[in-house]
Amino acid sequence: MKVNDEEEPDIQSLAEEIARYLQGREQVADTLDGILQWWILRQRLHEERRRVERAMAYLHQQGAISIRTLPDGRLLYIGRPSAAGKPNLDS
């Protein structure tokens, strides 16, 4: 695959991210699948988890869901039916 200097900004950003990861560690080498499965997916999952936590907090603040704490400390999110069958998220 040939890459040019005017690659899409998101490709350039990802390339810089991968380069920082590989250059910051001695003797780091991985396959494309390894990079995707063990590093990129893990990092994206962590980022997405923060976004989902914020979204759940927003839904709770809006009264669209309730939250119950399980004995092990995890939170259980419970949907609340609205009058029209849709959550009312209007502020």
PDB file of N, CA and C in Angstrom:
ATOM      1  N   MET A   1       0.850  -1.174   0.000  1.00  0.00           N
ATOM      2  CA  MET A   1       0.000   0.000   0.000  1.00  0.00           C
ATOM      3  C   MET A   1       0.892   1.233   0.000  1.00  0.00           C
ATOM      4  N   LYS A   2       0.684   2.092  -0.974  1.00  0.00           N
ATOM      5  CA  LYS A   2       1.471   3.312  -1.084  1.00  0.00           C
ATOM      6  C   LYS A   2       0.785   4.431  -0.305  1.00  0.00           C
ATOM      7  N   VAL A   3       1.575   5.192   0.425  1.00  0.00           N
ATOM      8  CA  VAL A   3       1.060   6.302   1.230  1.00  0.00           C
ATOM      9  C   VAL A   3       1.700   7.580   0.721  1.00  0.00           C
ATOM     10  N   ASN A   4       0.893   8.626   0.616  1.00  0.00           N
ATOM     11  CA  ASN A   4       1.460   9.898   0.177  1.00  0.00           C
ATOM     12  C   ASN A   4       1.481  10.898   1.329  1.00  0.00           C
ATOM     13  N   ASP A   5       2.136  12.027   1.091  1.00  0.00           N
ATOM     14  CA  ASP A   5       2.293  13.043   2.138  1.00  0.00           C
ATOM     15  C   ASP A   5       0.996  13.756   2.471  1.00  0.00           C
ATOM     16  N   GLU A   6       0.002  13.644   1.599  1.00  0.00           N
ATOM     17  CA  GLU A   6      -1.259  14.336   1.841  1.00  0.00           C
ATOM     18  C   GLU A   6      -2.337  13.355   2.275  1.00  0.00           C
ATOM     19  N   GLU A   7      -1.939  12.395   3.079  1.00  0.00           N
ATOM     20  CA  GLU A   7      -2.866  11.393   3.600  1.00  0.00           C
ATOM     21  C   GLU A   7      -3.915  12.086   4.463  1.00  0.00           C
ATOM     22  N   GLU A   8      -5.064  11.460   4.622  1.00  0.00           N
ATOM     23  CA  GLU A   8      -6.144  12.024   5.428  1.00  0.00           C
ATOM     24  C   GLU A   8      -5.636  12.368   6.830  1.00  0.00           C
ATOM     25  N   PRO A   9      -6.141  13.466   7.425  1.00  0.00           N
ATOM     26  CA  PRO A   9      -5.679  13.865   8.763  1.00  0.00           C
ATOM     27  C   PRO A   9      -5.864  12.770   9.821  1.00  0.00           C
ATOM     28  N   ASP A  10      -6.942  11.993   9.754  1.00  0.00           N
ATOM     29  CA  ASP A  10      -7.127  10.960  10.775  1.00  0.00           C
ATOM     30  C   ASP A  10      -6.108   9.841  10.598  1.00  0.00           C
ATOM     31  N   ILE A  11      -5.666   9.580   9.361  1.00  0.00           N
ATOM     32  CA  ILE A  11      -4.633   8.569   9.114  1.00  0.00           C
ATOM     33  C   ILE A  11      -3.296   9.077   9.657  1.00  0.00           C
ATOM     34  N   GLN A  12      -3.004  10.336   9.410  1.00  0.00           N
ATOM     35  CA  GLN A  12      -1.766  10.916   9.928  1.00  0.00           C
ATOM     36  C   GLN A  12      -1.753  10.888  11.452  1.00  0.00           C
ATOM     37  N   SER A  13      -2.865  11.222  12.063  1.00  0.00           N
ATOM     38  CA  SER A  13      -2.960  11.220  13.519  1.00  0.00           C
ATOM     39  C   SER A  13      -2.753   9.818  14.082  1.00  0.00           C
ATOM     40  N   LEU A  14      -3.382   8.825  13.461  1.00  0.00           N
ATOM     41  CA  LEU A  14      -3.219   7.442  13.900  1.00  0.00           C
ATOM     42  C   LEU A  14      -1.783   6.986  13.707  1.00  0.00           C
ATOM     43  N   ALA A  15      -1.180   7.349  12.586  1.00  0.00           N
ATOM     44  CA  ALA A  15       0.207   6.971  12.315  1.00  0.00           C
ATOM     45  C   ALA A  15       1.138   7.548  13.374  1.00  0.00           C
ATOM     46  N   GLU A  16       0.916   8.803  13.757  1.00  0.00           N
ATOM     47  CA  GLU A  16       1.733   9.433  14.795  1.00  0.00           C
ATOM     48  C   GLU A  16       1.554   8.734  16.135  1.00  0.00           C
ATOM     49  N   GLU A  17       0.330   8.353  16.441  1.00  0.00           N
ATOM     50  CA  GLU A  17       0.031   7.644  17.680  1.00  0.00           C
ATOM     51  C   GLU A  17       0.764   6.298  17.727  1.00  0.00           C
ATOM     52  N   ILE A  18       0.713   5.554  16.635  1.00  0.00           N
ATOM     53  CA  ILE A  18       1.387   4.258  16.570  1.00  0.00           C
ATOM     54  C   ILE A  18       2.899   4.446  16.658  1.00  0.00           C
ATOM     55  N   ALA A  19       3.420   5.450  15.969  1.00  0.00           N
ATOM     56  CA  ALA A  19       4.863   5.706  16.015  1.00  0.00           C
ATOM     57  C   ALA A  19       5.315   6.023  17.433  1.00  0.00           C
ATOM     58  N   ARG A  20       4.544   6.838  18.150  1.00  0.00           N
ATOM     59  CA  ARG A  20       4.897   7.152  19.547  1.00  0.00           C
ATOM     60  C   ARG A  20       4.924   5.885  20.391  1.00  0.00           C
ATOM     61  N   TYR A  21       3.975   5.004  20.175  1.00  0.00           N
ATOM     62  CA  TYR A  21       3.920   3.748  20.925  1.00  0.00           C
ATOM     63  C   TYR A  21       5.139   2.878  20.618  1.00  0.00           C
ATOM     64  N   LEU A  22       5.444   2.696  19.350  1.00  0.00           N
ATOM     65  CA  LEU A  22       6.543   1.820  18.970  1.00  0.00           C
ATOM     66  C   LEU A  22       7.911   2.420  19.294  1.00  0.00           C
ATOM     67  N   GLN A  23       8.066   3.738  19.120  1.00  0.00           N
ATOM     68  CA  GLN A  23       9.354   4.375  19.359  1.00  0.00           C
ATOM     69  C   GLN A  23       9.656   4.542  20.844  1.00  0.00           C
ATOM     70  N   GLY A  24       8.618   4.528  21.662  1.00  0.00           N
ATOM     71  CA  GLY A  24       8.827   4.741  23.088  1.00  0.00           C
ATOM     72  C   GLY A  24       9.254   3.501  23.841  1.00  0.00           C
ATOM     73  N   ARG A  25       9.383   2.396  23.147  1.00  0.00           N
ATOM     74  CA  ARG A  25       9.726   1.136  23.808  1.00  0.00           C
ATOM     75  C   ARG A  25      10.799   0.413  23.006  1.00  0.00           C
ATOM     76  N   GLU A  26      11.827  -0.024  23.702  1.00  0.00           N
ATOM     77  CA  GLU A  26      12.869  -0.790  23.029  1.00  0.00           C
ATOM     78  C   GLU A  26      12.357  -2.179  22.697  1.00  0.00           C
ATOM     79  N   GLN A  27      12.781  -2.665  21.597  1.00  0.00           N
ATOM     80  CA  GLN A  27      12.470  -4.017  21.153  1.00  0.00           C
ATOM     81  C   GLN A  27      10.969  -4.295  21.059  1.00  0.00           C
ATOM     82  N   VAL A  28      10.193  -3.286  20.685  1.00  0.00           N
ATOM     83  CA  VAL A  28       8.768  -3.499  20.468  1.00  0.00           C
ATOM     84  C   VAL A  28       8.563  -3.777  18.987  1.00  0.00           C
ATOM     85  N   ALA A  29       7.899  -4.876  18.717  1.00  0.00           N
ATOM     86  CA  ALA A  29       7.542  -5.229  17.352  1.00  0.00           C
ATOM     87  C   ALA A  29       6.214  -5.960  17.420  1.00  0.00           C
ATOM     88  N   ASP A  30       5.391  -5.788  16.412  1.00  0.00           N
ATOM     89  CA  ASP A  30       4.098  -6.455  16.424  1.00  0.00           C
ATOM     90  C   ASP A  30       3.587  -6.571  15.008  1.00  0.00           C
ATOM     91  N   THR A  31       2.650  -7.461  14.813  1.00  0.00           N
ATOM     92  CA  THR A  31       1.984  -7.607  13.520  1.00  0.00           C
ATOM     93  C   THR A  31       0.841  -6.600  13.446  1.00  0.00           C
ATOM     94  N   LEU A  32       0.266  -6.449  12.273  1.00  0.00           N
ATOM     95  CA  LEU A  32      -0.884  -5.571  12.114  1.00  0.00           C
ATOM     96  C   LEU A  32      -2.025  -6.030  13.017  1.00  0.00           C
ATOM     97  N   ASP A  33      -2.291  -7.341  13.024  1.00  0.00           N
ATOM     98  CA  ASP A  33      -3.351  -7.859  13.894  1.00  0.00           C
ATOM     99  C   ASP A  33      -3.032  -7.611  15.364  1.00  0.00           C
ATOM    100  N   GLY A  34      -1.791  -7.785  15.744  1.00  0.00           N
ATOM    101  CA  GLY A  34      -1.397  -7.534  17.132  1.00  0.00           C
ATOM    102  C   GLY A  34      -1.605  -6.088  17.524  1.00  0.00           C
ATOM    103  N   ILE A  35      -1.210  -5.175  16.656  1.00  0.00           N
ATOM    104  CA  ILE A  35      -1.403  -3.746  16.934  1.00  0.00           C
ATOM    105  C   ILE A  35      -2.888  -3.440  17.075  1.00  0.00           C
ATOM    106  N   LEU A  36      -3.696  -3.985  16.163  1.00  0.00           N
ATOM    107  CA  LEU A  36      -5.135  -3.736  16.212  1.00  0.00           C
ATOM    108  C   LEU A  36      -5.774  -4.335  17.461  1.00  0.00           C
ATOM    109  N   GLN A  37      -5.497  -5.607  17.717  1.00  0.00           N
ATOM    110  CA  GLN A  37      -6.186  -6.317  18.795  1.00  0.00           C
ATOM    111  C   GLN A  37      -5.680  -5.948  20.181  1.00  0.00           C
ATOM    112  N   TRP A  38      -4.402  -5.799  20.331  1.00  0.00           N
ATOM    113  CA  TRP A  38      -3.859  -5.642  21.672  1.00  0.00           C
ATOM    114  C   TRP A  38      -3.570  -4.216  22.058  1.00  0.00           C
ATOM    115  N   TRP A  39      -3.454  -3.336  21.102  1.00  0.00           N
ATOM    116  CA  TRP A  39      -3.112  -1.975  21.483  1.00  0.00           C
ATOM    117  C   TRP A  39      -4.192  -0.987  21.058  1.00  0.00           C
ATOM    118  N   ILE A  40      -4.503  -0.911  19.785  1.00  0.00           N
ATOM    119  CA  ILE A  40      -5.485   0.062  19.289  1.00  0.00           C
ATOM    120  C   ILE A  40      -6.856  -0.215  19.896  1.00  0.00           C
ATOM    121  N   LEU A  41      -7.328  -1.459  19.836  1.00  0.00           N
ATOM    122  CA  LEU A  41      -8.654  -1.760  20.379  1.00  0.00           C
ATOM    123  C   LEU A  41      -8.729  -1.488  21.876  1.00  0.00           C
ATOM    124  N   ARG A  42      -7.693  -1.853  22.589  1.00  0.00           N
ATOM    125  CA  ARG A  42      -7.672  -1.616  24.039  1.00  0.00           C
ATOM    126  C   ARG A  42      -7.738  -0.118  24.342  1.00  0.00           C
ATOM    127  N   GLN A  43      -6.954   0.663  23.615  1.00  0.00           N
ATOM    128  CA  GLN A  43      -6.971   2.111  23.838  1.00  0.00           C
ATOM    129  C   GLN A  43      -8.327   2.702  23.463  1.00  0.00           C
ATOM    130  N   ARG A  44      -8.877   2.281  22.327  1.00  0.00           N
ATOM    131  CA  ARG A  44     -10.181   2.793  21.899  1.00  0.00           C
ATOM    132  C   ARG A  44     -11.269   2.388  22.885  1.00  0.00           C
ATOM    133  N   LEU A  45     -11.180   1.172  23.381  1.00  0.00           N
ATOM    134  CA  LEU A  45     -12.153   0.696  24.362  1.00  0.00           C
ATOM    135  C   LEU A  45     -12.108   1.559  25.614  1.00  0.00           C
ATOM    136  N   HIS A  46     -10.918   1.896  26.055  1.00  0.00           N
ATOM    137  CA  HIS A  46     -10.771   2.744  27.242  1.00  0.00           C
ATOM    138  C   HIS A  46     -11.382   4.126  26.994  1.00  0.00           C
ATOM    139  N   GLU A  47     -11.103   4.700  25.830  1.00  0.00           N
ATOM    140  CA  GLU A  47     -11.662   6.011  25.485  1.00  0.00           C
ATOM    141  C   GLU A  47     -13.187   5.944  25.391  1.00  0.00           C
ATOM    142  N   GLU A  48     -13.687   4.898  24.755  1.00  0.00           N
ATOM    143  CA  GLU A  48     -15.134   4.758  24.575  1.00  0.00           C
ATOM    144  C   GLU A  48     -15.820   4.522  25.916  1.00  0.00           C
ATOM    145  N   ARG A  49     -15.163   3.809  26.812  1.00  0.00           N
ATOM    146  CA  ARG A  49     -15.726   3.575  28.142  1.00  0.00           C
ATOM    147  C   ARG A  49     -15.985   4.901  28.858  1.00  0.00           C
ATOM    148  N   ARG A  50     -15.036   5.816  28.775  1.00  0.00           N
ATOM    149  CA  ARG A  50     -15.220   7.132  29.403  1.00  0.00           C
ATOM    150  C   ARG A  50     -16.404   7.868  28.778  1.00  0.00           C
ATOM    151  N   ARG A  51     -16.542   7.786  27.464  1.00  0.00           N
ATOM    152  CA  ARG A  51     -17.667   8.449  26.789  1.00  0.00           C
ATOM    153  C   ARG A  51     -18.998   7.838  27.223  1.00  0.00           C
ATOM    154  N   VAL A  52     -19.042   6.495  27.307  1.00  0.00           N
ATOM    155  CA  VAL A  52     -20.280   5.817  27.699  1.00  0.00           C
ATOM    156  C   VAL A  52     -20.611   6.145  29.157  1.00  0.00           C
ATOM    157  N   GLU A  53     -19.607   6.191  30.028  1.00  0.00           N
ATOM    158  CA  GLU A  53     -19.859   6.564  31.426  1.00  0.00           C
ATOM    159  C   GLU A  53     -20.471   7.960  31.518  1.00  0.00           C
ATOM    160  N   ARG A  54     -19.944   8.888  30.722  1.00  0.00           N
ATOM    161  CA  ARG A  54     -20.487  10.253  30.711  1.00  0.00           C
ATOM    162  C   ARG A  54     -21.911  10.273  30.174  1.00  0.00           C
ATOM    163  N   ALA A  55     -22.163   9.466  29.139  1.00  0.00           N
ATOM    164  CA  ALA A  55     -23.514   9.400  28.570  1.00  0.00           C
ATOM    165  C   ALA A  55     -24.493   8.816  29.587  1.00  0.00           C
ATOM    166  N   MET A  56     -24.064   7.794  30.331  1.00  0.00           N
ATOM    167  CA  MET A  56     -24.940   7.191  31.342  1.00  0.00           C
ATOM    168  C   MET A  56     -25.216   8.184  32.473  1.00  0.00           C
ATOM    169  N   ALA A  57     -24.214   8.939  32.877  1.00  0.00           N
ATOM    170  CA  ALA A  57     -24.425   9.957  33.903  1.00  0.00           C
ATOM    171  C   ALA A  57     -25.419  11.009  33.413  1.00  0.00           C
ATOM    172  N   TYR A  58     -25.303  11.384  32.143  1.00  0.00           N
ATOM    173  CA  TYR A  58     -26.236  12.347  31.558  1.00  0.00           C
ATOM    174  C   TYR A  58     -27.658  11.796  31.566  1.00  0.00           C
ATOM    175  N   LEU A  59     -27.813  10.537  31.140  1.00  0.00           N
ATOM    176  CA  LEU A  59     -29.148   9.928  31.144  1.00  0.00           C
ATOM    177  C   LEU A  59     -29.732   9.873  32.557  1.00  0.00           C
ATOM    178  N   HIS A  60     -28.895   9.593  33.527  1.00  0.00           N
ATOM    179  CA  HIS A  60     -29.353   9.553  34.917  1.00  0.00           C
ATOM    180  C   HIS A  60     -29.776  10.949  35.381  1.00  0.00           C
ATOM    181  N   GLN A  61     -28.980  11.949  35.054  1.00  0.00           N
ATOM    182  CA  GLN A  61     -29.320  13.335  35.417  1.00  0.00           C
ATOM    183  C   GLN A  61     -30.621  13.778  34.778  1.00  0.00           C
ATOM    184  N   GLN A  62     -30.892  13.282  33.579  1.00  0.00           N
ATOM    185  CA  GLN A  62     -32.114  13.648  32.876  1.00  0.00           C
ATOM    186  C   GLN A  62     -33.316  12.839  33.334  1.00  0.00           C
ATOM    187  N   GLY A  63     -33.089  11.851  34.198  1.00  0.00           N
ATOM    188  CA  GLY A  63     -34.182  11.028  34.697  1.00  0.00           C
ATOM    189  C   GLY A  63     -34.605   9.913  33.757  1.00  0.00           C
ATOM    190  N   ALA A  64     -33.810   9.647  32.723  1.00  0.00           N
ATOM    191  CA  ALA A  64     -34.164   8.619  31.748  1.00  0.00           C
ATOM    192  C   ALA A  64     -33.814   7.221  32.246  1.00  0.00           C
ATOM    193  N   ILE A  65     -32.894   7.128  33.192  1.00  0.00           N
ATOM    194  CA  ILE A  65     -32.508   5.839  33.772  1.00  0.00           C
ATOM    195  C   ILE A  65     -32.331   5.999  35.273  1.00  0.00           C
ATOM    196  N   SER A  66     -32.351   4.885  35.965  1.00  0.00           N
ATOM    197  CA  SER A  66     -31.968   4.886  37.374  1.00  0.00           C
ATOM    198  C   SER A  66     -30.734   4.002  37.503  1.00  0.00           C
ATOM    199  N   ILE A  67     -30.048   4.153  38.619  1.00  0.00           N
ATOM    200  CA  ILE A  67     -28.811   3.408  38.833  1.00  0.00           C
ATOM    201  C   ILE A  67     -28.892   2.707  40.176  1.00  0.00           C
ATOM    202  N   ARG A  68     -28.494   1.452  40.167  1.00  0.00           N
ATOM    203  CA  ARG A  68     -28.437   0.671  41.400  1.00  0.00           C
ATOM    204  C   ARG A  68     -27.018   0.135  41.531  1.00  0.00           C
ATOM    205  N   THR A  69     -26.473   0.190  42.746  1.00  0.00           N
ATOM    206  CA  THR A  69     -25.141  -0.338  42.992  1.00  0.00           C
ATOM    207  C   THR A  69     -25.255  -1.810  43.387  1.00  0.00           C
ATOM    208  N   LEU A  70     -24.521  -2.649  42.668  1.00  0.00           N
ATOM    209  CA  LEU A  70     -24.509  -4.073  42.949  1.00  0.00           C
ATOM    210  C   LEU A  70     -23.598  -4.361  44.148  1.00  0.00           C
ATOM    211  N   PRO A  71     -23.728  -5.515  44.791  1.00  0.00           N
ATOM    212  CA  PRO A  71     -22.894  -5.836  45.951  1.00  0.00           C
ATOM    213  C   PRO A  71     -21.390  -5.744  45.682  1.00  0.00           C
ATOM    214  N   ASP A  72     -20.982  -6.003  44.456  1.00  0.00           N
ATOM    215  CA  ASP A  72     -19.548  -5.932  44.146  1.00  0.00           C
ATOM    216  C   ASP A  72     -19.091  -4.525  43.778  1.00  0.00           C
ATOM    217  N   GLY A  73     -19.990  -3.544  43.850  1.00  0.00           N
ATOM    218  CA  GLY A  73     -19.638  -2.158  43.592  1.00  0.00           C
ATOM    219  C   GLY A  73     -19.912  -1.686  42.174  1.00  0.00           C
ATOM    220  N   ARG A  74     -20.181  -2.609  41.257  1.00  0.00           N
ATOM    221  CA  ARG A  74     -20.511  -2.192  39.899  1.00  0.00           C
ATOM    222  C   ARG A  74     -21.880  -1.532  39.884  1.00  0.00           C
ATOM    223  N   LEU A  75     -22.096  -0.694  38.885  1.00  0.00           N
ATOM    224  CA  LEU A  75     -23.373   0.001  38.751  1.00  0.00           C
ATOM    225  C   LEU A  75     -24.253  -0.717  37.746  1.00  0.00           C
ATOM    226  N   LEU A  76     -25.522  -0.810  38.073  1.00  0.00           N
ATOM    227  CA  LEU A  76     -26.522  -1.410  37.195  1.00  0.00           C
ATOM    228  C   LEU A  76     -27.418  -0.283  36.704  1.00  0.00           C
ATOM    229  N   TYR A  77     -27.510  -0.119  35.405  1.00  0.00           N
ATOM    230  CA  TYR A  77     -28.309   0.950  34.803  1.00  0.00           C
ATOM    231  C   TYR A  77     -29.655   0.383  34.403  1.00  0.00           C
ATOM    232  N   ILE A  78     -30.717   1.038  34.833  1.00  0.00           N
ATOM    233  CA  ILE A  78     -32.066   0.539  34.629  1.00  0.00           C
ATOM    234  C   ILE A  78     -32.868   1.583  33.852  1.00  0.00           C
ATOM    235  N   GLY A  79     -33.410   1.172  32.728  1.00  0.00           N
ATOM    236  CA  GLY A  79     -34.202   2.083  31.917  1.00  0.00           C
ATOM    237  C   GLY A  79     -35.534   2.390  32.579  1.00  0.00           C
ATOM    238  N   ARG A  80     -35.989   3.603  32.369  1.00  0.00           N
ATOM    239  CA  ARG A  80     -37.300   4.026  32.866  1.00  0.00           C
ATOM    240  C   ARG A  80     -38.183   4.304  31.670  1.00  0.00           C
ATOM    241  N   PRO A  81     -39.370   3.710  31.644  1.00  0.00           N
ATOM    242  CA  PRO A  81     -40.266   4.013  30.518  1.00  0.00           C
ATOM    243  C   PRO A  81     -40.763   5.452  30.599  1.00  0.00           C
ATOM    244  N   SER A  82     -40.840   6.090  29.456  1.00  0.00           N
ATOM    245  CA  SER A  82     -41.396   7.441  29.417  1.00  0.00           C
ATOM    246  C   SER A  82     -42.820   7.356  28.913  1.00  0.00           C
ATOM    247  N   ALA A  83     -43.535   8.445  29.005  1.00  0.00           N
ATOM    248  CA  ALA A  83     -44.940   8.479  28.600  1.00  0.00           C
ATOM    249  C   ALA A  83     -45.114   8.108  27.126  1.00  0.00           C
ATOM    250  N   ALA A  84     -44.208   8.556  26.271  1.00  0.00           N
ATOM    251  CA  ALA A  84     -44.331   8.311  24.837  1.00  0.00           C
ATOM    252  C   ALA A  84     -43.473   7.140  24.373  1.00  0.00           C
ATOM    253  N   GLY A  85     -42.825   6.464  25.293  1.00  0.00           N
ATOM    254  CA  GLY A  85     -41.961   5.355  24.907  1.00  0.00           C
ATOM    255  C   GLY A  85     -40.548   5.771  24.535  1.00  0.00           C
ATOM    256  N   LYS A  86     -40.259   7.068  24.599  1.00  0.00           N
ATOM    257  CA  LYS A  86     -38.916   7.574  24.284  1.00  0.00           C
ATOM    258  C   LYS A  86     -38.417   8.362  25.501  1.00  0.00           C
ATOM    259  N   PRO A  87     -37.115   8.334  25.744  1.00  0.00           N
ATOM    260  CA  PRO A  87     -36.595   9.131  26.869  1.00  0.00           C
ATOM    261  C   PRO A  87     -36.743  10.616  26.570  1.00  0.00           C
ATOM    262  N   ASN A  88     -37.086  11.367  27.575  1.00  0.00           N
ATOM    263  CA  ASN A  88     -37.189  12.809  27.437  1.00  0.00           C
ATOM    264  C   ASN A  88     -35.845  13.416  27.815  1.00  0.00           C
ATOM    265  N   LEU A  89     -35.062  13.807  26.815  1.00  0.00           N
ATOM    266  CA  LEU A  89     -33.732  14.339  27.061  1.00  0.00           C
ATOM    267  C   LEU A  89     -33.661  15.829  26.819  1.00  0.00           C
ATOM    268  N   ASP A  90     -34.798  16.480  26.692  1.00  0.00           N
ATOM    269  CA  ASP A  90     -34.807  17.917  26.487  1.00  0.00           C
ATOM    270  C   ASP A  90     -34.398  18.619  27.768  1.00  0.00           C
ATOM    271  N   SER A  91     -33.511  19.574  27.633  1.00  0.00           N
ATOM    272  CA  SER A  91     -33.050  20.331  28.810  1.00  0.00           C
ATOM    273  C   SER A  91     -33.901  21.552  29.022  1.00  0.00           C
TER     274      SER A  91
END
